[in-house]
C-alpha atoms as a PDB file:
ATOM      1  CA  UNK A   1       3.179 -17.900   7.679  1.00  0.00           C
ATOM      2  CA  UNK A   2       6.249 -16.702   9.647  1.00  0.00           C
ATOM      3  CA  UNK A   3       6.753 -13.444  11.414  1.00  0.00           C
ATOM      4  CA  UNK A   4       5.398 -10.338   9.671  1.00  0.00           C
ATOM      5  CA  UNK A   5       7.919  -7.676   8.692  1.00  0.00           C
ATOM      6  CA  UNK A   6       7.895  -4.308   7.031  1.00  0.00           C
ATOM      7  CA  UNK A   7       7.834  -0.577   7.579  1.00  0.00           C
ATOM      8  CA  UNK A   8       4.659  -0.576   9.686  1.00  0.00           C
ATOM      9  CA  UNK A   9       5.867  -3.477  11.848  1.00  0.00           C
ATOM     10  CA  UNK A  10       9.069  -1.655  12.673  1.00  0.00           C
ATOM     11  CA  UNK A  11       7.106   1.530  13.311  1.00  0.00           C
ATOM     12  CA  UNK A  12       4.829  -0.281  15.745  1.00  0.00           C
ATOM     13  CA  UNK A  13       7.927  -1.635  17.494  1.00  0.00           C
ATOM     14  CA  UNK A  14       9.149   1.936  18.012  1.00  0.00           C
ATOM     15  CA  UNK A  15       5.724   2.977  19.304  1.00  0.00           C
ATOM     16  CA  UNK A  16       5.832   0.038  21.733  1.00  0.00           C
ATOM     17  CA  UNK A  17       9.188   1.242  23.042  1.00  0.00           C
ATOM     18  CA  UNK A  18       7.813   4.721  23.644  1.00  0.00           C
ATOM     19  CA  UNK A  19       4.433   3.776  25.104  1.00  0.00           C
ATOM     20  CA  UNK A  20       4.645   0.239  26.491  1.00  0.00           C
ATOM     21  CA  UNK A  21       1.767  -0.797  24.270  1.00  0.00           C
ATOM     22  CA  UNK A  22       1.963  -4.318  22.848  1.00  0.00           C
ATOM     23  CA  UNK A  23       0.548  -5.164  19.429  1.00  0.00           C
ATOM     24  CA  UNK A  24      -0.505  -8.601  18.219  1.00  0.00           C
ATOM     25  CA  UNK A  25      -0.371  -8.782  14.409  1.00  0.00           C
ATOM     26  CA  UNK A  26      -3.148 -10.432  12.403  1.00  0.00           C
ATOM     27  CA  UNK A  27      -2.224 -11.923   9.030  1.00  0.00           C
ATOM     28  CA  UNK A  28      -5.055 -12.193   6.513  1.00  0.00           C
ATOM     29  CA  UNK A  29      -6.166 -10.920   3.123  1.00  0.00           C
ATOM     30  CA  UNK A  30      -6.665  -7.169   3.024  1.00  0.00           C
ATOM     31  CA  UNK A  31     -10.392  -7.334   2.342  1.00  0.00           C
ATOM     32  CA  UNK A  32     -10.823  -9.665   5.350  1.00  0.00           C
ATOM     33  CA  UNK A  33      -8.821  -7.264   7.537  1.00  0.00           C
ATOM     34  CA  UNK A  34     -11.045  -4.383   6.505  1.00  0.00           C
ATOM     35  CA  UNK A  35     -14.185  -6.422   7.150  1.00  0.00           C
ATOM     36  CA  UNK A  36     -13.021  -7.338  10.641  1.00  0.00           C
ATOM     37  CA  UNK A  37     -12.026  -3.759  11.395  1.00  0.00           C
ATOM     38  CA  UNK A  38     -15.490  -2.632  10.317  1.00  0.00           C
ATOM     39  CA  UNK A  39     -17.041  -5.307  12.596  1.00  0.00           C
ATOM     40  CA  UNK A  40     -14.958  -4.099  15.557  1.00  0.00           C
ATOM     41  CA  UNK A  41     -12.769  -7.207  15.702  1.00  0.00           C
ATOM     42  CA  UNK A  42      -9.501  -5.392  14.890  1.00  0.00           C
ATOM     43  CA  UNK A  43      -8.303  -2.406  16.910  1.00  0.00           C
ATOM     44  CA  UNK A  44      -5.619  -0.884  14.691  1.00  0.00           C
ATOM     45  CA  UNK A  45      -4.640  -0.763  11.033  1.00  0.00           C
ATOM     46  CA  UNK A  46      -1.027   0.461  10.965  1.00  0.00           C
ATOM     47  CA  UNK A  47      -0.698   1.200   7.257  1.00  0.00           C
ATOM     48  CA  UNK A  48      -3.756   2.432   5.389  1.00  0.00           C
ATOM     49  CA  UNK A  49      -4.863   5.090   2.903  1.00  0.00           C
ATOM     50  CA  UNK A  50      -7.780   7.272   3.915  1.00  0.00           C
ATOM     51  CA  UNK A  51     -11.111   7.014   2.093  1.00  0.00           C
ATOM     52  CA  UNK A  52     -14.562   8.415   2.754  1.00  0.00           C
ATOM     53  CA  UNK A  53     -16.030   4.926   3.199  1.00  0.00           C
ATOM     54  CA  UNK A  54     -13.416   3.911   5.768  1.00  0.00           C
ATOM     55  CA  UNK A  55     -13.883   7.158   7.738  1.00  0.00           C
ATOM     56  CA  UNK A  56     -17.312   5.860   8.721  1.00  0.00           C
ATOM     57  CA  UNK A  57     -15.765   3.326  11.087  1.00  0.00           C
ATOM     58  CA  UNK A  58     -12.117   4.410  11.525  1.00  0.00           C
ATOM     59  CA  UNK A  59     -10.309   7.395  13.026  1.00  0.00           C
ATOM     60  CA  UNK A  60      -7.046   8.237  11.244  1.00  0.00           C
ATOM     61  CA  UNK A  61      -3.762   9.542  12.595  1.00  0.00           C
ATOM     62  CA  UNK A  62      -1.760  12.134  10.763  1.00  0.00           C
ATOM     63  CA  UNK A  63       0.208  10.990   7.732  1.00  0.00           C
ATOM     64  CA  UNK A  64       3.584   9.474   8.569  1.00  0.00           C
ATOM     65  CA  UNK A  65       4.747   8.715   5.026  1.00  0.00           C
ATOM     66  CA  UNK A  66       3.937   9.686   1.469  1.00  0.00           C
ATOM     67  CA  UNK A  67       3.837   6.760  -0.949  1.00  0.00           C
ATOM     68  CA  UNK A  68       4.339   7.003  -4.681  1.00  0.00           C
ATOM     69  CA  UNK A  69       1.587   5.348  -6.717  1.00  0.00           C
ATOM     70  CA  UNK A  70       3.091   3.600  -9.713  1.00  0.00           C
ATOM     71  CA  UNK A  71       2.049   1.493 -12.681  1.00  0.00           C
ATOM     72  CA  UNK A  72       3.955  -1.796 -13.076  1.00  0.00           C
ATOM     73  CA  UNK A  73       3.657  -3.845 -16.256  1.00  0.00           C
ATOM     74  CA  UNK A  74       4.674  -7.185 -17.656  1.00  0.00           C
ATOM     75  CA  UNK A  75       8.052  -6.867 -19.333  1.00  0.00           C
ATOM     76  CA  UNK A  76       6.680  -8.115 -22.673  1.00  0.00           C
ATOM     77  CA  UNK A  77       4.335  -5.140 -23.105  1.00  0.00           C
ATOM     78  CA  UNK A  78       5.330  -2.805 -25.924  1.00  0.00           C
ATOM     79  CA  UNK A  79       3.962   0.456 -24.479  1.00  0.00           C
ATOM     80  CA  UNK A  80       5.448   3.921 -24.324  1.00  0.00           C
ATOM     81  CA  UNK A  81       2.706   6.086 -22.804  1.00  0.00           C
ATOM     82  CA  UNK A  82      -0.523   5.786 -20.824  1.00  0.00           C
ATOM     83  CA  UNK A  83      -2.643   5.796 -23.973  1.00  0.00           C
ATOM     84  CA  UNK A  84      -0.941   2.573 -25.037  1.00  0.00           C
ATOM     85  CA  UNK A  85      -2.540   0.842 -22.024  1.00  0.00           C
ATOM     86  CA  UNK A  86      -6.022   1.050 -23.612  1.00  0.00           C
ATOM     87  CA  UNK A  87      -7.558  -2.429 -23.821  1.00  0.00           C
ATOM     88  CA  UNK A  88      -4.985  -3.919 -21.461  1.00  0.00           C
ATOM     89  CA  UNK A  89      -5.937  -5.920 -18.355  1.00  0.00           C
ATOM     90  CA  UNK A  90      -5.240  -4.579 -14.871  1.00  0.00           C
ATOM     91  CA  UNK A  91      -5.212  -6.854 -11.805  1.00  0.00           C
ATOM     92  CA  UNK A  92      -6.685  -5.090  -8.775  1.00  0.00           C
ATOM     93  CA  UNK A  93      -6.890  -6.469  -5.220  1.00  0.00           C
ATOM     94  CA  UNK A  94     -10.355  -6.197  -3.662  1.00  0.00           C
ATOM     95  CA  UNK A  95     -11.048  -2.988  -1.686  1.00  0.00           C
ATOM     96  CA  UNK A  96      -8.302  -1.156  -3.607  1.00  0.00           C
ATOM     97  CA  UNK A  97      -8.432   2.499  -2.579  1.00  0.00           C
ATOM     98  CA  UNK A  98      -7.994   3.944  -6.060  1.00  0.00           C
ATOM     99  CA  UNK A  99     -10.480   1.735  -7.900  1.00  0.00           C
ATOM    100  CA  UNK A 100     -12.820   4.623  -8.723  1.00  0.00           C
ATOM    101  CA  UNK A 101      -9.963   6.764 -10.010  1.00  0.00           C
ATOM    102  CA  UNK A 102      -8.723   3.897 -12.168  1.00  0.00           C
ATOM    103  CA  UNK A 103     -12.172   3.500 -13.714  1.00  0.00           C
ATOM    104  CA  UNK A 104     -12.423   7.245 -14.305  1.00  0.00           C
ATOM    105  CA  UNK A 105      -8.948   7.877 -15.693  1.00  0.00           C
ATOM    106  CA  UNK A 106      -8.480   4.572 -17.523  1.00  0.00           C
ATOM    107  CA  UNK A 107     -11.998   3.648 -18.741  1.00  0.00           C
ATOM    108  CA  UNK A 108     -10.623   1.368 -21.455  1.00  0.00           C
ATOM    109  CA  UNK A 109      -8.714  -0.841 -19.049  1.00  0.00           C
ATOM    110  CA  UNK A 110     -10.216  -4.268 -18.381  1.00  0.00           C
ATOM    111  CA  UNK A 111     -10.313  -5.051 -14.659  1.00  0.00           C
ATOM    112  CA  UNK A 112      -9.899  -8.399 -12.928  1.00  0.00           C
ATOM    113  CA  UNK A 113     -10.226  -8.451  -9.135  1.00  0.00           C
ATOM    114  CA  UNK A 114      -7.963 -10.623  -7.021  1.00  0.00           C
ATOM    115  CA  UNK A 115      -8.082 -11.694  -3.391  1.00  0.00           C
ATOM    116  CA  UNK A 116      -4.834  -9.967  -2.473  1.00  0.00           C
ATOM    117  CA  UNK A 117      -1.784  -8.200  -3.846  1.00  0.00           C
ATOM    118  CA  UNK A 118       0.330 -11.333  -4.369  1.00  0.00           C
ATOM    119  CA  UNK A 119      -2.476 -12.925  -6.375  1.00  0.00           C
ATOM    120  CA  UNK A 120      -2.558  -9.817  -8.575  1.00  0.00           C
ATOM    121  CA  UNK A 121       1.187 -10.082  -9.094  1.00  0.00           C
ATOM    122  CA  UNK A 122       0.815 -13.772  -9.941  1.00  0.00           C
ATOM    123  CA  UNK A 123      -1.829 -12.901 -12.532  1.00  0.00           C
ATOM    124  CA  UNK A 124       0.689 -10.686 -14.328  1.00  0.00           C
ATOM    125  CA  UNK A 125       3.428 -13.323 -14.146  1.00  0.00           C
ATOM    126  CA  UNK A 126       1.018 -15.914 -15.620  1.00  0.00           C
ATOM    127  CA  UNK A 127      -0.079 -13.376 -18.300  1.00  0.00           C
ATOM    128  CA  UNK A 128      -3.714 -13.314 -17.159  1.00  0.00           C
ATOM    129  CA  UNK A 129      -3.177  -9.569 -16.593  1.00  0.00           C
ATOM    130  CA  UNK A 130      -0.884  -6.922 -18.020  1.00  0.00           C
ATOM    131  CA  UNK A 131      -0.450  -4.394 -15.270  1.00  0.00           C
ATOM    132  CA  UNK A 132      -0.948  -3.444 -11.650  1.00  0.00           C
ATOM    133  CA  UNK A 133      -0.982  -0.159  -9.710  1.00  0.00           C
ATOM    134  CA  UNK A 134       0.638  -0.118  -6.295  1.00  0.00           C
ATOM    135  CA  UNK A 135       2.945   2.063  -4.248  1.00  0.00           C
ATOM    136  CA  UNK A 136       6.432   2.003  -5.716  1.00  0.00           C
ATOM    137  CA  UNK A 137       8.131   0.983  -2.492  1.00  0.00           C
ATOM    138  CA  UNK A 138       5.846  -2.020  -1.872  1.00  0.00           C
ATOM    139  CA  UNK A 139       6.197  -3.368  -5.407  1.00  0.00           C
ATOM    140  CA  UNK A 140       9.922  -2.725  -5.518  1.00  0.00           C
ATOM    141  CA  UNK A 141      10.303  -4.643  -2.232  1.00  0.00           C
ATOM    142  CA  UNK A 142       8.155  -7.596  -3.378  1.00  0.00           C
ATOM    143  CA  UNK A 143       9.841  -7.820  -6.784  1.00  0.00           C
ATOM    144  CA  UNK A 144      13.298  -7.932  -5.196  1.00  0.00           C
ATOM    145  CA  UNK A 145      12.287 -10.259  -2.340  1.00  0.00           C
ATOM    146  CA  UNK A 146      10.682 -12.789  -4.700  1.00  0.00           C
ATOM    147  CA  UNK A 147      13.270 -12.405  -7.502  1.00  0.00           C
ATOM    148  CA  UNK A 148      10.555 -11.465 -10.017  1.00  0.00           C
ATOM    149  CA  UNK A 149      12.089 -10.533 -13.364  1.00  0.00           C
ATOM    150  CA  UNK A 150       8.989 -10.352 -15.587  1.00  0.00           C
ATOM    151  CA  UNK A 151       7.420  -7.225 -14.020  1.00  0.00           C
ATOM    152  CA  UNK A 152       8.913  -3.754 -14.408  1.00  0.00           C
ATOM    153  CA  UNK A 153       7.989  -0.195 -13.389  1.00  0.00           C
ATOM    154  CA  UNK A 154       6.338   1.866 -16.139  1.00  0.00           C
ATOM    155  CA  UNK A 155       5.023   5.276 -15.062  1.00  0.00           C
ATOM    156  CA  UNK A 156       3.778   7.147 -12.000  1.00  0.00           C
ATOM    157  CA  UNK A 157       0.047   7.668 -11.708  1.00  0.00           C
ATOM    158  CA  UNK A 158      -0.980  10.883 -13.420  1.00  0.00           C
ATOM    159  CA  UNK A 159      -3.917  11.660 -11.128  1.00  0.00           C
ATOM    160  CA  UNK A 160      -2.367  10.854  -7.764  1.00  0.00           C
ATOM    161  CA  UNK A 161       1.396  10.514  -7.709  1.00  0.00           C
ATOM    162  CA  UNK A 162       1.563  10.184  -3.955  1.00  0.00           C
ATOM    163  CA  UNK A 163      -0.767   8.980  -1.212  1.00  0.00           C
ATOM    164  CA  UNK A 164      -0.583   9.668   2.496  1.00  0.00           C
ATOM    165  CA  UNK A 165       0.041   6.576   4.559  1.00  0.00           C
ATOM    166  CA  UNK A 166      -1.667   6.715   7.975  1.00  0.00           C
ATOM    167  CA  UNK A 167      -2.656   4.566  10.910  1.00  0.00           C
ATOM    168  CA  UNK A 168      -6.350   4.013  11.682  1.00  0.00           C
ATOM    169  CA  UNK A 169      -8.138   3.005  14.841  1.00  0.00           C
ATOM    170  CA  UNK A 170     -11.682   1.872  15.604  1.00  0.00           C
ATOM    171  CA  UNK A 171     -13.906   4.835  16.426  1.00  0.00           C
ATOM    172  CA  UNK A 172     -14.704   3.407  19.862  1.00  0.00           C
ATOM    173  CA  UNK A 173     -11.040   3.565  20.922  1.00  0.00           C
ATOM    174  CA  UNK A 174     -10.354   7.317  21.185  1.00  0.00           C
ATOM    175  CA  UNK A 175      -7.595   6.907  23.795  1.00  0.00           C
ATOM    176  CA  UNK A 176      -5.573   4.587  21.561  1.00  0.00           C
ATOM    177  CA  UNK A 177      -6.098   7.001  18.677  1.00  0.00           C
ATOM    178  CA  UNK A 178      -4.806   9.914  20.796  1.00  0.00           C
ATOM    179  CA  UNK A 179      -1.766   7.946  22.014  1.00  0.00           C
ATOM    180  CA  UNK A 180      -0.790   6.976  18.482  1.00  0.00           C
ATOM    181  CA  UNK A 181      -1.109  10.527  17.175  1.00  0.00           C
ATOM    182  CA  UNK A 182       1.056  11.944  19.975  1.00  0.00           C
ATOM    183  CA  UNK A 183       3.661   9.176  19.676  1.00  0.00           C
ATOM    184  CA  UNK A 184       3.952   9.518  15.911  1.00  0.00           C
ATOM    185  CA  UNK A 185       4.531  13.216  16.355  1.00  0.00           C
ATOM    186  CA  UNK A 186       7.208  12.572  18.992  1.00  0.00           C
ATOM    187  CA  UNK A 187       9.343  10.021  17.094  1.00  0.00           C
ATOM    188  CA  UNK A 188      12.698  11.689  16.331  1.00  0.00           C
ATOM    189  CA  UNK A 189      13.484  12.531  12.719  1.00  0.00           C
ATOM    190  CA  UNK A 190      16.546  10.268  12.766  1.00  0.00           C
ATOM    191  CA  UNK A 191      14.459   7.199  13.621  1.00  0.00           C
ATOM    192  CA  UNK A 192      12.012   8.050  10.802  1.00  0.00           C
ATOM    193  CA  UNK A 193      14.921   8.486   8.406  1.00  0.00           C
ATOM    194  CA  UNK A 194      16.271   5.057   9.345  1.00  0.00           C
ATOM    195  CA  UNK A 195      12.883   3.455   8.615  1.00  0.00           C
ATOM    196  CA  UNK A 196      12.646   5.238   5.281  1.00  0.00           C
ATOM    197  CA  UNK A 197      16.108   4.101   4.245  1.00  0.00           C
ATOM    198  CA  UNK A 198      15.405   0.514   5.293  1.00  0.00           C
ATOM    199  CA  UNK A 199      11.952   0.023   3.756  1.00  0.00           C
ATOM    200  CA  UNK A 200      10.969   2.876   1.447  1.00  0.00           C
ATOM    201  CA  UNK A 201      14.087   3.596  -0.565  1.00  0.00           C
ATOM    202  CA  UNK A 202      13.040   4.078  -4.199  1.00  0.00           C
ATOM    203  CA  UNK A 203      15.655   1.847  -5.737  1.00  0.00           C
ATOM    204  CA  UNK A 204      16.028   1.484  -9.497  1.00  0.00           C
ATOM    205  CA  UNK A 205      13.565   4.288 -10.262  1.00  0.00           C
ATOM    206  CA  UNK A 206      13.312   4.757 -14.029  1.00  0.00           C
ATOM    207  CA  UNK A 207      15.554   7.557 -15.367  1.00  0.00           C
ATOM    208  CA  UNK A 208      12.617   9.743 -16.396  1.00  0.00           C
ATOM    209  CA  UNK A 209      11.506   9.908 -12.727  1.00  0.00           C
ATOM    210  CA  UNK A 210      14.924  10.540 -11.139  1.00  0.00           C
END
């Protein structure tokens, strides 16, 4: 599957430089990753949103980045506001953090669950779904990387415009948890700025959000 890349991979590389720790990435579907973390087979999740369920088996670091939650839709949809989404189909990867909020705030949306994020994106491209909710930076990156022209940004989430991105460690590894917290706090602002510019630049944000 090639070498993994992204904001969290680069951040782990910086942490390695500061601490001497070496990290071996595991590539799998997100729900499988969570299951293995819960079973104690994975030590560290470098990019995760906190939830009450996950706090039962994970210790979180402080937030190192705020991520904008955004609705992306198929370009053919003729919608102007959130109400226009009633009756539409949303593709949601399994173990999606905001699933309960989606059900609460958009009760008229029809939900189809997918194995992973790329499968959800594929569902929209193939018109089996109409929309997806994901952090703006992640979707913007995937759309550009895969030259996807049929999906466009629509609106920011009304109930939770940003989420705090954190690292999480198995509860039986308190030393690793402590090292990560201290190292994240010690990384110079310039290095964090470089990562933000490289991976999390909100390019082509709709005019109403600029």
